[in-house]
Amino acid sequence: IGIHWTMKNVFEMLESVAPTDAPVMVYGETGTGKELLARALHDLSPRRNKPFVAINCGALPDNLLESELFGYKAGAFTDAVKDKPGHFALSEGGTIMLDEIGDLSPAFQVRLLRVLQEKTFQPLGATRESKANVRVIAATNKDLAELVKDGTFRQDLFYRINVVRLDLPPLRDRKEDIATLVRHFIERFNRLQGRMVTGMS
């Protein structure tokens, strides 16, 4: 069973984009596999032997997101008893995936833009900046171009992350892939459960 042409296009783009360091913007509804695609980009890239780190930007308020992304030094705030490296430091030399980037507040968009422009970041409580040698893959289930028009997403940040665009179609638009997925999951769970299921109706 062949892959739906839209997925075939995604895989072709994946192979041509993976060897580069260009920022990639992955669009797709929740559950379409955006993080899997980001991991595949990382695994096909020259950075494959370095870390892949993903963070959901929409799940955290600004202050927590800042410490998660940039880290902090001991004494930066009351409970900071020791240094904590952030996701940018943890993904040094590798890839960072910024999931649900469309949910970032305008204030945090400014901070992120600076990191992408200057390739540096400053942990909370630090007196000097750290270099950020990471490839950035962003993902969203929102129409960022529309958010730019509405004024809720910065145009300069949009251009910085939207260098290469990959669109993941939902399964309802590629129903011919269902049989391939069923086969994959049967094989996987046969291995995990020690079963011999051969198919399904």
N, C-alpha and C. Protein backbone atom coordinates (compact mmCIF):
# COMPACT_ATOMS: atom_id res chain seq x y z
N ILE A 1 0.86 -1.19 0.00
CA ILE A 1 0.00 0.00 0.00
C ILE A 1 0.89 1.23 0.00
N GLY A 2 0.66 2.12 -0.95
CA GLY A 2 1.50 3.31 -1.07
C GLY A 2 1.12 4.38 -0.06
N ILE A 3 2.09 5.23 0.22
CA ILE A 3 1.84 6.37 1.11
C ILE A 3 1.08 7.43 0.35
N HIS A 4 0.14 8.06 1.00
CA HIS A 4 -0.61 9.15 0.38
C HIS A 4 0.36 10.21 -0.13
N TRP A 5 0.04 10.82 -1.25
CA TRP A 5 1.02 11.72 -1.88
C TRP A 5 1.45 12.88 -1.00
N THR A 6 0.55 13.34 -0.11
CA THR A 6 0.94 14.44 0.75
C THR A 6 2.02 14.00 1.74
N MET A 7 1.91 12.78 2.27
CA MET A 7 2.94 12.26 3.17
C MET A 7 4.22 11.97 2.38
N LYS A 8 4.07 11.51 1.15
CA LYS A 8 5.25 11.28 0.30
C LYS A 8 6.02 12.58 0.12
N ASN A 9 5.28 13.68 -0.10
CA ASN A 9 5.93 14.99 -0.23
C ASN A 9 6.64 15.39 1.06
N VAL A 10 5.99 15.12 2.20
CA VAL A 10 6.60 15.45 3.49
C VAL A 10 7.92 14.70 3.65
N PHE A 11 7.92 13.39 3.32
CA PHE A 11 9.14 12.59 3.48
C PHE A 11 10.25 13.04 2.53
N GLU A 12 9.86 13.44 1.31
CA GLU A 12 10.86 13.95 0.36
C GLU A 12 11.48 15.24 0.88
N MET A 13 10.63 16.12 1.42
CA MET A 13 11.13 17.38 2.01
C MET A 13 12.04 17.08 3.20
N LEU A 14 11.63 16.10 3.99
CA LEU A 14 12.38 15.71 5.18
C LEU A 14 13.82 15.36 4.80
N GLU A 15 13.97 14.54 3.77
CA GLU A 15 15.30 14.09 3.35
C GLU A 15 16.16 15.23 2.84
N SER A 16 15.54 16.21 2.16
CA SER A 16 16.33 17.31 1.61
C SER A 16 16.64 18.37 2.65
N VAL A 17 15.77 18.52 3.66
CA VAL A 17 15.95 19.57 4.66
C VAL A 17 16.82 19.11 5.83
N ALA A 18 16.73 17.81 6.18
CA ALA A 18 17.41 17.29 7.36
C ALA A 18 18.91 17.60 7.41
N PRO A 19 19.67 17.49 6.30
CA PRO A 19 21.11 17.74 6.38
C PRO A 19 21.47 19.21 6.62
N THR A 20 20.52 20.12 6.47
CA THR A 20 20.81 21.55 6.65
C THR A 20 20.57 21.95 8.10
N ASP A 21 20.90 23.20 8.42
CA ASP A 21 20.63 23.73 9.75
C ASP A 21 19.45 24.71 9.74
N ALA A 22 18.73 24.74 8.63
CA ALA A 22 17.62 25.69 8.48
C ALA A 22 16.54 25.42 9.52
N PRO A 23 16.01 26.48 10.16
CA PRO A 23 14.87 26.29 11.07
C PRO A 23 13.68 25.73 10.30
N VAL A 24 12.94 24.83 10.94
CA VAL A 24 11.80 24.19 10.29
C VAL A 24 10.54 24.47 11.11
N MET A 25 9.47 24.80 10.41
CA MET A 25 8.17 25.03 11.04
C MET A 25 7.25 23.89 10.63
N VAL A 26 6.77 23.12 11.61
CA VAL A 26 5.89 21.98 11.34
C VAL A 26 4.47 22.36 11.71
N TYR A 27 3.58 22.28 10.74
CA TYR A 27 2.16 22.58 10.96
C TYR A 27 1.37 21.28 10.96
N GLY A 28 0.40 21.18 11.86
CA GLY A 28 -0.45 20.00 11.88
C GLY A 28 -1.37 20.01 13.07
N GLU A 29 -2.51 19.38 12.91
CA GLU A 29 -3.46 19.28 14.02
C GLU A 29 -2.85 18.45 15.14
N THR A 30 -3.42 18.56 16.34
CA THR A 30 -3.00 17.75 17.46
C THR A 30 -3.14 16.27 17.10
N GLY A 31 -2.09 15.50 17.34
CA GLY A 31 -2.14 14.06 17.08
C GLY A 31 -1.66 13.65 15.70
N THR A 32 -1.20 14.59 14.90
CA THR A 32 -0.73 14.22 13.54
C THR A 32 0.71 13.73 13.54
N GLY A 33 1.42 13.87 14.66
CA GLY A 33 2.79 13.34 14.74
C GLY A 33 3.87 14.37 14.52
N LYS A 34 3.64 15.59 14.99
CA LYS A 34 4.63 16.66 14.78
C LYS A 34 5.96 16.36 15.47
N GLU A 35 5.88 15.82 16.69
CA GLU A 35 7.14 15.51 17.40
C GLU A 35 7.88 14.35 16.74
N LEU A 36 7.14 13.37 16.23
CA LEU A 36 7.77 12.26 15.51
C LEU A 36 8.51 12.76 14.28
N LEU A 37 7.89 13.72 13.58
CA LEU A 37 8.53 14.30 12.39
C LEU A 37 9.79 15.07 12.79
N ALA A 38 9.71 15.82 13.89
CA ALA A 38 10.87 16.57 14.37
C ALA A 38 12.00 15.62 14.74
N ARG A 39 11.67 14.51 15.39
CA ARG A 39 12.70 13.51 15.75
C ARG A 39 13.32 12.90 14.50
N ALA A 40 12.50 12.66 13.49
CA ALA A 40 13.02 12.11 12.24
C ALA A 40 13.98 13.10 11.58
N LEU A 41 13.63 14.39 11.61
CA LEU A 41 14.52 15.43 11.08
C LEU A 41 15.87 15.39 11.80
N HIS A 42 15.79 15.28 13.13
CA HIS A 42 17.02 15.23 13.93
C HIS A 42 17.84 13.98 13.61
N ASP A 43 17.16 12.82 13.53
CA ASP A 43 17.85 11.55 13.30
C ASP A 43 18.51 11.47 11.92
N LEU A 44 17.99 12.23 10.96
CA LEU A 44 18.56 12.25 9.61
C LEU A 44 19.62 13.34 9.43
N SER A 45 19.82 14.14 10.48
CA SER A 45 20.71 15.30 10.37
C SER A 45 22.12 14.99 10.87
N PRO A 46 23.09 15.87 10.55
CA PRO A 46 24.45 15.68 11.09
C PRO A 46 24.50 15.82 12.62
N ARG A 47 23.42 16.31 13.23
CA ARG A 47 23.36 16.48 14.68
C ARG A 47 22.81 15.24 15.39
N ARG A 48 22.63 14.14 14.66
CA ARG A 48 21.92 12.96 15.20
C ARG A 48 22.55 12.38 16.46
N ASN A 49 23.86 12.57 16.63
CA ASN A 49 24.53 12.01 17.82
C ASN A 49 24.49 12.94 19.02
N LYS A 50 23.87 14.08 18.86
CA LYS A 50 23.70 15.05 19.95
C LYS A 50 22.25 15.00 20.42
N PRO A 51 21.92 15.69 21.52
CA PRO A 51 20.57 15.54 22.09
C PRO A 51 19.44 16.12 21.22
N PHE A 52 18.29 15.50 21.35
CA PHE A 52 17.02 16.05 20.84
C PHE A 52 16.18 16.36 22.06
N VAL A 53 15.76 17.62 22.21
CA VAL A 53 14.98 18.03 23.38
C VAL A 53 13.71 18.74 22.90
N ALA A 54 12.57 18.31 23.42
CA ALA A 54 11.28 18.92 23.04
C ALA A 54 10.62 19.55 24.26
N ILE A 55 9.96 20.67 24.04
CA ILE A 55 9.22 21.33 25.12
C ILE A 55 7.92 21.89 24.55
N ASN A 56 6.85 21.74 25.33
CA ASN A 56 5.55 22.28 24.94
C ASN A 56 5.44 23.71 25.47
N CYS A 57 5.57 24.66 24.58
CA CYS A 57 5.57 26.08 24.98
C CYS A 57 4.22 26.53 25.50
N GLY A 58 3.16 25.87 25.07
CA GLY A 58 1.82 26.30 25.46
C GLY A 58 1.40 25.80 26.83
N ALA A 59 2.19 24.89 27.41
CA ALA A 59 1.78 24.26 28.67
C ALA A 59 2.29 25.00 29.90
N LEU A 60 3.17 26.00 29.70
CA LEU A 60 3.81 26.66 30.84
C LEU A 60 3.63 28.17 30.81
N PRO A 61 3.45 28.79 31.98
CA PRO A 61 3.44 30.27 32.03
C PRO A 61 4.85 30.81 31.75
N ASP A 62 4.93 32.10 31.41
CA ASP A 62 6.19 32.70 30.98
C ASP A 62 7.36 32.46 31.92
N ASN A 63 7.13 32.66 33.23
CA ASN A 63 8.26 32.55 34.16
C ASN A 63 8.81 31.12 34.22
N LEU A 64 7.92 30.12 34.18
CA LEU A 64 8.37 28.73 34.18
C LEU A 64 9.02 28.36 32.85
N LEU A 65 8.44 28.86 31.75
CA LEU A 65 8.98 28.57 30.43
C LEU A 65 10.39 29.14 30.30
N GLU A 66 10.59 30.33 30.86
CA GLU A 66 11.92 30.96 30.80
C GLU A 66 12.95 30.11 31.52
N SER A 67 12.61 29.63 32.72
CA SER A 67 13.60 28.82 33.45
C SER A 67 13.79 27.45 32.79
N GLU A 68 12.73 26.91 32.17
CA GLU A 68 12.86 25.62 31.48
C GLU A 68 13.73 25.75 30.23
N LEU A 69 13.55 26.83 29.49
CA LEU A 69 14.31 27.01 28.24
C LEU A 69 15.73 27.48 28.49
N PHE A 70 15.89 28.44 29.38
CA PHE A 70 17.19 29.10 29.55
C PHE A 70 17.93 28.66 30.80
N GLY A 71 17.26 27.99 31.73
CA GLY A 71 17.90 27.55 32.96
C GLY A 71 18.08 28.68 33.95
N TYR A 72 18.72 28.36 35.07
CA TYR A 72 18.99 29.41 36.07
C TYR A 72 20.22 29.05 36.89
N LYS A 73 20.74 30.07 37.54
CA LYS A 73 21.90 29.92 38.42
C LYS A 73 21.42 29.85 39.87
N ALA A 74 22.20 29.18 40.70
CA ALA A 74 21.88 29.11 42.13
C ALA A 74 21.73 30.52 42.70
N GLY A 75 20.65 30.75 43.44
CA GLY A 75 20.42 32.05 44.04
C GLY A 75 19.63 33.00 43.17
N ALA A 76 19.24 32.56 41.97
CA ALA A 76 18.47 33.43 41.06
C ALA A 76 17.11 33.78 41.66
N PHE A 77 16.55 32.86 42.45
CA PHE A 77 15.30 33.11 43.18
C PHE A 77 15.31 32.23 44.43
N THR A 78 14.31 32.35 45.26
CA THR A 78 14.32 31.74 46.59
C THR A 78 14.65 30.24 46.60
N ASP A 79 14.00 29.46 45.72
CA ASP A 79 14.19 28.01 45.75
C ASP A 79 15.34 27.52 44.88
N ALA A 80 16.06 28.43 44.24
CA ALA A 80 17.15 28.02 43.35
C ALA A 80 18.42 27.75 44.16
N VAL A 81 18.52 26.52 44.70
CA VAL A 81 19.67 26.19 45.55
C VAL A 81 20.88 25.73 44.74
N LYS A 82 20.66 25.30 43.50
CA LYS A 82 21.80 24.93 42.64
C LYS A 82 21.47 25.28 41.19
N ASP A 83 22.52 25.34 40.38
CA ASP A 83 22.35 25.65 38.96
C ASP A 83 21.46 24.60 38.28
N LYS A 84 20.63 25.07 37.36
CA LYS A 84 19.83 24.13 36.57
C LYS A 84 19.96 24.51 35.10
N PRO A 85 20.52 23.63 34.27
CA PRO A 85 20.62 23.94 32.84
C PRO A 85 19.24 23.90 32.19
N GLY A 86 18.99 24.82 31.26
CA GLY A 86 17.72 24.84 30.55
C GLY A 86 17.78 23.98 29.29
N HIS A 87 16.67 23.95 28.57
CA HIS A 87 16.58 23.11 27.37
C HIS A 87 17.56 23.52 26.28
N PHE A 88 17.86 24.81 26.18
CA PHE A 88 18.83 25.23 25.17
C PHE A 88 20.21 24.68 25.49
N ALA A 89 20.57 24.68 26.76
CA ALA A 89 21.87 24.12 27.16
C ALA A 89 21.87 22.60 27.01
N LEU A 90 20.77 21.95 27.37
CA LEU A 90 20.68 20.49 27.29
C LEU A 90 20.71 19.98 25.85
N SER A 91 20.28 20.83 24.91
CA SER A 91 20.27 20.40 23.50
C SER A 91 21.48 20.92 22.73
N GLU A 92 22.51 21.38 23.44
CA GLU A 92 23.71 21.93 22.81
C GLU A 92 24.27 20.96 21.76
N GLY A 93 24.47 21.50 20.56
CA GLY A 93 24.98 20.70 19.45
C GLY A 93 23.92 19.88 18.75
N GLY A 94 22.72 19.82 19.35
CA GLY A 94 21.65 19.00 18.79
C GLY A 94 20.48 19.82 18.29
N THR A 95 19.29 19.37 18.65
CA THR A 95 18.05 19.96 18.13
C THR A 95 17.10 20.25 19.28
N ILE A 96 16.46 21.42 19.23
CA ILE A 96 15.40 21.73 20.19
C ILE A 96 14.09 21.89 19.43
N MET A 97 13.05 21.25 19.94
CA MET A 97 11.73 21.39 19.34
C MET A 97 10.86 22.24 20.25
N LEU A 98 10.35 23.33 19.70
CA LEU A 98 9.46 24.23 20.44
C LEU A 98 8.03 23.96 19.97
N ASP A 99 7.35 23.11 20.72
CA ASP A 99 5.99 22.70 20.33
C ASP A 99 4.98 23.76 20.76
N GLU A 100 3.90 23.88 19.99
CA GLU A 100 2.83 24.85 20.24
C GLU A 100 3.39 26.26 20.41
N ILE A 101 4.24 26.64 19.47
CA ILE A 101 4.89 27.96 19.53
C ILE A 101 3.87 29.09 19.32
N GLY A 102 2.74 28.76 18.73
CA GLY A 102 1.69 29.76 18.52
C GLY A 102 1.04 30.23 19.81
N ASP A 103 1.30 29.53 20.91
CA ASP A 103 0.72 29.89 22.20
C ASP A 103 1.61 30.82 23.03
N LEU A 104 2.80 31.17 22.50
CA LEU A 104 3.71 32.04 23.25
C LEU A 104 3.12 33.43 23.45
N SER A 105 3.33 33.99 24.64
CA SER A 105 2.88 35.36 24.89
C SER A 105 3.74 36.34 24.09
N PRO A 106 3.21 37.53 23.76
CA PRO A 106 4.01 38.53 23.03
C PRO A 106 5.32 38.85 23.74
N ALA A 107 5.31 38.90 25.08
CA ALA A 107 6.53 39.22 25.83
C ALA A 107 7.57 38.12 25.64
N PHE A 108 7.14 36.88 25.66
CA PHE A 108 8.12 35.79 25.52
C PHE A 108 8.60 35.66 24.08
N GLN A 109 7.75 36.04 23.13
CA GLN A 109 8.18 36.03 21.73
C GLN A 109 9.41 36.91 21.53
N VAL A 110 9.46 38.04 22.22
CA VAL A 110 10.61 38.96 22.13
C VAL A 110 11.86 38.27 22.64
N ARG A 111 11.75 37.56 23.77
CA ARG A 111 12.91 36.88 24.36
C ARG A 111 13.42 35.77 23.44
N LEU A 112 12.48 35.03 22.86
CA LEU A 112 12.87 33.94 21.96
C LEU A 112 13.51 34.47 20.69
N LEU A 113 12.96 35.55 20.16
CA LEU A 113 13.51 36.15 18.95
C LEU A 113 14.98 36.52 19.16
N ARG A 114 15.29 37.08 20.32
CA ARG A 114 16.67 37.47 20.61
C ARG A 114 17.61 36.26 20.58
N VAL A 115 17.14 35.15 21.15
CA VAL A 115 17.96 33.92 21.15
C VAL A 115 18.22 33.46 19.72
N LEU A 116 17.19 33.49 18.89
CA LEU A 116 17.32 33.02 17.51
C LEU A 116 18.19 33.95 16.67
N GLN A 117 18.12 35.24 16.96
CA GLN A 117 18.93 36.21 16.20
C GLN A 117 20.39 36.19 16.63
N GLU A 118 20.60 36.22 17.94
CA GLU A 118 21.97 36.35 18.48
C GLU A 118 22.66 35.01 18.70
N LYS A 119 21.88 33.91 18.66
CA LYS A 119 22.42 32.57 18.96
C LYS A 119 23.02 32.51 20.37
N THR A 120 22.47 33.29 21.26
CA THR A 120 22.90 33.27 22.66
C THR A 120 21.67 33.35 23.57
N PHE A 121 21.83 32.92 24.81
CA PHE A 121 20.75 33.04 25.80
C PHE A 121 21.39 33.30 27.15
N GLN A 122 20.60 33.83 28.06
CA GLN A 122 21.11 34.14 29.39
C GLN A 122 20.27 33.45 30.45
N PRO A 123 20.87 32.47 31.17
CA PRO A 123 20.13 31.84 32.26
C PRO A 123 19.74 32.87 33.32
N LEU A 124 18.63 32.63 34.00
CA LEU A 124 18.20 33.54 35.07
C LEU A 124 19.30 33.62 36.14
N GLY A 125 19.65 34.82 36.52
CA GLY A 125 20.66 35.01 37.55
C GLY A 125 22.09 34.97 37.05
N ALA A 126 22.28 34.73 35.73
CA ALA A 126 23.64 34.67 35.17
C ALA A 126 24.13 36.08 34.84
N THR A 127 25.43 36.27 34.88
CA THR A 127 26.00 37.58 34.55
C THR A 127 26.50 37.63 33.11
N ARG A 128 26.59 36.48 32.47
CA ARG A 128 27.02 36.48 31.07
C ARG A 128 26.15 35.52 30.24
N GLU A 129 26.18 35.73 28.94
CA GLU A 129 25.36 34.92 28.05
C GLU A 129 26.07 33.63 27.66
N SER A 130 25.28 32.64 27.28
CA SER A 130 25.81 31.36 26.80
C SER A 130 25.48 31.22 25.33
N LYS A 131 26.35 30.53 24.61
CA LYS A 131 26.11 30.31 23.18
C LYS A 131 25.05 29.22 23.00
N ALA A 132 24.27 29.36 21.94
CA ALA A 132 23.23 28.38 21.64
C ALA A 132 23.51 27.75 20.28
N ASN A 133 24.24 26.66 20.27
CA ASN A 133 24.51 25.93 19.03
C ASN A 133 23.47 24.82 18.90
N VAL A 134 22.26 25.21 18.50
CA VAL A 134 21.17 24.25 18.36
C VAL A 134 20.40 24.52 17.08
N ARG A 135 19.82 23.46 16.56
CA ARG A 135 18.88 23.62 15.45
C ARG A 135 17.49 23.74 16.04
N VAL A 136 16.72 24.69 15.54
CA VAL A 136 15.38 24.93 16.08
C VAL A 136 14.32 24.39 15.13
N ILE A 137 13.45 23.53 15.68
CA ILE A 137 12.26 23.07 14.97
C ILE A 137 11.07 23.54 15.79
N ALA A 138 10.19 24.29 15.18
CA ALA A 138 8.99 24.77 15.88
C ALA A 138 7.78 24.03 15.33
N ALA A 139 6.74 23.93 16.13
CA ALA A 139 5.52 23.25 15.69
C ALA A 139 4.30 23.97 16.23
N THR A 140 3.21 23.87 15.49
CA THR A 140 1.97 24.51 15.93
C THR A 140 0.77 23.85 15.25
N ASN A 141 -0.38 23.97 15.91
CA ASN A 141 -1.64 23.55 15.27
C ASN A 141 -2.45 24.78 14.87
N LYS A 142 -1.81 25.97 14.95
CA LYS A 142 -2.49 27.22 14.61
C LYS A 142 -1.94 27.77 13.29
N ASP A 143 -2.69 28.68 12.69
CA ASP A 143 -2.25 29.35 11.47
C ASP A 143 -1.45 30.59 11.87
N LEU A 144 -0.12 30.46 11.89
CA LEU A 144 0.72 31.56 12.36
C LEU A 144 0.60 32.80 11.48
N ALA A 145 0.42 32.59 10.17
CA ALA A 145 0.28 33.74 9.27
C ALA A 145 -0.94 34.58 9.67
N GLU A 146 -2.02 33.91 10.07
CA GLU A 146 -3.21 34.62 10.54
C GLU A 146 -2.94 35.34 11.86
N LEU A 147 -2.17 34.68 12.74
CA LEU A 147 -1.84 35.31 14.02
C LEU A 147 -0.97 36.55 13.81
N VAL A 148 -0.12 36.50 12.79
CA VAL A 148 0.70 37.68 12.44
C VAL A 148 -0.20 38.82 11.98
N LYS A 149 -1.19 38.47 11.15
CA LYS A 149 -2.15 39.49 10.67
C LYS A 149 -2.93 40.09 11.82
N ASP A 150 -3.30 39.24 12.79
CA ASP A 150 -4.06 39.71 13.96
C ASP A 150 -3.20 40.53 14.93
N GLY A 151 -1.89 40.44 14.76
CA GLY A 151 -0.99 41.16 15.65
C GLY A 151 -0.68 40.42 16.94
N THR A 152 -1.05 39.11 17.01
CA THR A 152 -0.77 38.34 18.23
C THR A 152 0.52 37.54 18.13
N PHE A 153 1.09 37.49 16.92
CA PHE A 153 2.38 36.81 16.75
C PHE A 153 3.31 37.73 15.96
N ARG A 154 4.53 37.89 16.46
CA ARG A 154 5.48 38.82 15.86
C ARG A 154 5.89 38.38 14.45
N GLN A 155 5.83 39.33 13.52
CA GLN A 155 6.20 39.01 12.14
C GLN A 155 7.67 38.63 12.02
N ASP A 156 8.56 39.34 12.77
CA ASP A 156 9.99 39.04 12.67
C ASP A 156 10.30 37.64 13.21
N LEU A 157 9.61 37.22 14.28
CA LEU A 157 9.80 35.86 14.79
C LEU A 157 9.26 34.84 13.81
N PHE A 158 8.13 35.15 13.21
CA PHE A 158 7.53 34.26 12.21
C PHE A 158 8.51 34.00 11.07
N TYR A 159 9.13 35.06 10.54
CA TYR A 159 10.08 34.88 9.44
C TYR A 159 11.33 34.13 9.88
N ARG A 160 11.68 34.27 11.14
CA ARG A 160 12.88 33.61 11.66
C ARG A 160 12.68 32.10 11.78
N ILE A 161 11.47 31.67 12.15
CA ILE A 161 11.23 30.22 12.36
C ILE A 161 10.59 29.54 11.15
N ASN A 162 9.99 30.31 10.26
CA ASN A 162 9.23 29.73 9.15
C ASN A 162 10.08 29.64 7.87
N VAL A 163 11.36 29.29 8.03
CA VAL A 163 12.26 29.21 6.88
C VAL A 163 11.86 28.05 5.98
N VAL A 164 11.65 26.87 6.58
CA VAL A 164 11.14 25.70 5.85
C VAL A 164 9.83 25.30 6.50
N ARG A 165 8.81 25.12 5.69
CA ARG A 165 7.49 24.76 6.22
C ARG A 165 7.15 23.33 5.84
N LEU A 166 6.73 22.53 6.84
CA LEU A 166 6.26 21.17 6.59
C LEU A 166 4.85 21.05 7.14
N ASP A 167 3.92 20.61 6.30
CA ASP A 167 2.53 20.44 6.71
C ASP A 167 2.21 18.97 6.87
N LEU A 168 1.72 18.58 8.04
CA LEU A 168 1.34 17.20 8.29
C LEU A 168 -0.17 17.05 8.13
N PRO A 169 -0.61 16.32 7.13
CA PRO A 169 -2.06 16.16 6.93
C PRO A 169 -2.66 15.23 7.99
N PRO A 170 -3.91 15.48 8.41
CA PRO A 170 -4.56 14.57 9.36
C PRO A 170 -4.89 13.24 8.68
N LEU A 171 -5.05 12.20 9.47
CA LEU A 171 -5.30 10.86 8.93
C LEU A 171 -6.58 10.80 8.10
N ARG A 172 -7.57 11.63 8.43
CA ARG A 172 -8.83 11.59 7.67
C ARG A 172 -8.61 12.00 6.20
N ASP A 173 -7.51 12.71 5.94
CA ASP A 173 -7.21 13.12 4.56
C ASP A 173 -6.28 12.14 3.85
N ARG A 174 -5.91 11.06 4.54
CA ARG A 174 -5.02 10.05 3.92
C ARG A 174 -5.41 8.67 4.43
N LYS A 175 -6.68 8.33 4.20
CA LYS A 175 -7.22 7.09 4.75
C LYS A 175 -6.52 5.85 4.21
N GLU A 176 -5.90 5.98 3.03
CA GLU A 176 -5.17 4.83 2.47
C GLU A 176 -3.95 4.45 3.31
N ASP A 177 -3.55 5.33 4.24
CA ASP A 177 -2.43 5.01 5.14
C ASP A 177 -2.86 4.14 6.32
N ILE A 178 -4.18 4.00 6.54
CA ILE A 178 -4.66 3.29 7.73
C ILE A 178 -4.17 1.85 7.75
N ALA A 179 -4.24 1.15 6.59
CA ALA A 179 -3.81 -0.25 6.55
C ALA A 179 -2.33 -0.38 6.90
N THR A 180 -1.51 0.54 6.42
CA THR A 180 -0.07 0.53 6.75
C THR A 180 0.14 0.72 8.25
N LEU A 181 -0.62 1.66 8.84
CA LEU A 181 -0.50 1.91 10.27
C LEU A 181 -0.97 0.71 11.08
N VAL A 182 -2.07 0.05 10.65
CA VAL A 182 -2.58 -1.13 11.34
C VAL A 182 -1.51 -2.22 11.35
N ARG A 183 -0.88 -2.45 10.18
CA ARG A 183 0.18 -3.45 10.09
C ARG A 183 1.33 -3.13 11.06
N HIS A 184 1.71 -1.85 11.09
CA HIS A 184 2.81 -1.41 11.96
C HIS A 184 2.48 -1.69 13.43
N PHE A 185 1.26 -1.35 13.86
CA PHE A 185 0.90 -1.53 15.27
C PHE A 185 0.72 -3.00 15.63
N ILE A 186 0.22 -3.81 14.68
CA ILE A 186 0.11 -5.25 14.95
C ILE A 186 1.50 -5.84 15.17
N GLU A 187 2.45 -5.50 14.28
CA GLU A 187 3.82 -6.01 14.42
C GLU A 187 4.45 -5.54 15.73
N ARG A 188 4.22 -4.28 16.06
CA ARG A 188 4.80 -3.72 17.29
C ARG A 188 4.27 -4.41 18.53
N PHE A 189 2.93 -4.56 18.61
CA PHE A 189 2.36 -5.16 19.81
C PHE A 189 2.55 -6.68 19.85
N ASN A 190 2.71 -7.33 18.69
CA ASN A 190 3.10 -8.74 18.68
C ASN A 190 4.45 -8.91 19.36
N ARG A 191 5.39 -8.00 19.03
CA ARG A 191 6.73 -8.06 19.64
C ARG A 191 6.65 -7.80 21.14
N LEU A 192 5.89 -6.76 21.52
CA LEU A 192 5.82 -6.37 22.94
C LEU A 192 5.11 -7.41 23.79
N GLN A 193 4.04 -8.02 23.23
CA GLN A 193 3.20 -8.92 24.03
C GLN A 193 3.48 -10.39 23.76
N GLY A 194 4.39 -10.67 22.82
CA GLY A 194 4.67 -12.06 22.48
C GLY A 194 3.48 -12.75 21.85
N ARG A 195 2.73 -12.02 21.03
CA ARG A 195 1.53 -12.57 20.38
C ARG A 195 1.81 -12.89 18.92
N MET A 196 0.83 -13.51 18.24
CA MET A 196 0.97 -13.87 16.82
C MET A 196 -0.23 -13.40 16.03
N VAL A 197 -0.74 -12.22 16.34
CA VAL A 197 -1.88 -11.67 15.59
C VAL A 197 -1.43 -11.44 14.16
N THR A 198 -2.21 -11.89 13.18
CA THR A 198 -1.79 -11.80 11.79
C THR A 198 -2.50 -10.69 11.03
N GLY A 199 -3.60 -10.19 11.59
CA GLY A 199 -4.32 -9.11 10.88
C GLY A 199 -5.60 -8.79 11.60
N MET A 200 -6.40 -7.93 10.97
CA MET A 200 -7.71 -7.61 11.52
C MET A 200 -8.68 -7.37 10.39
N SER A 201 -9.97 -7.52 10.68
CA SER A 201 -10.98 -7.39 9.64
C SER A 201 -11.14 -5.91 9.26
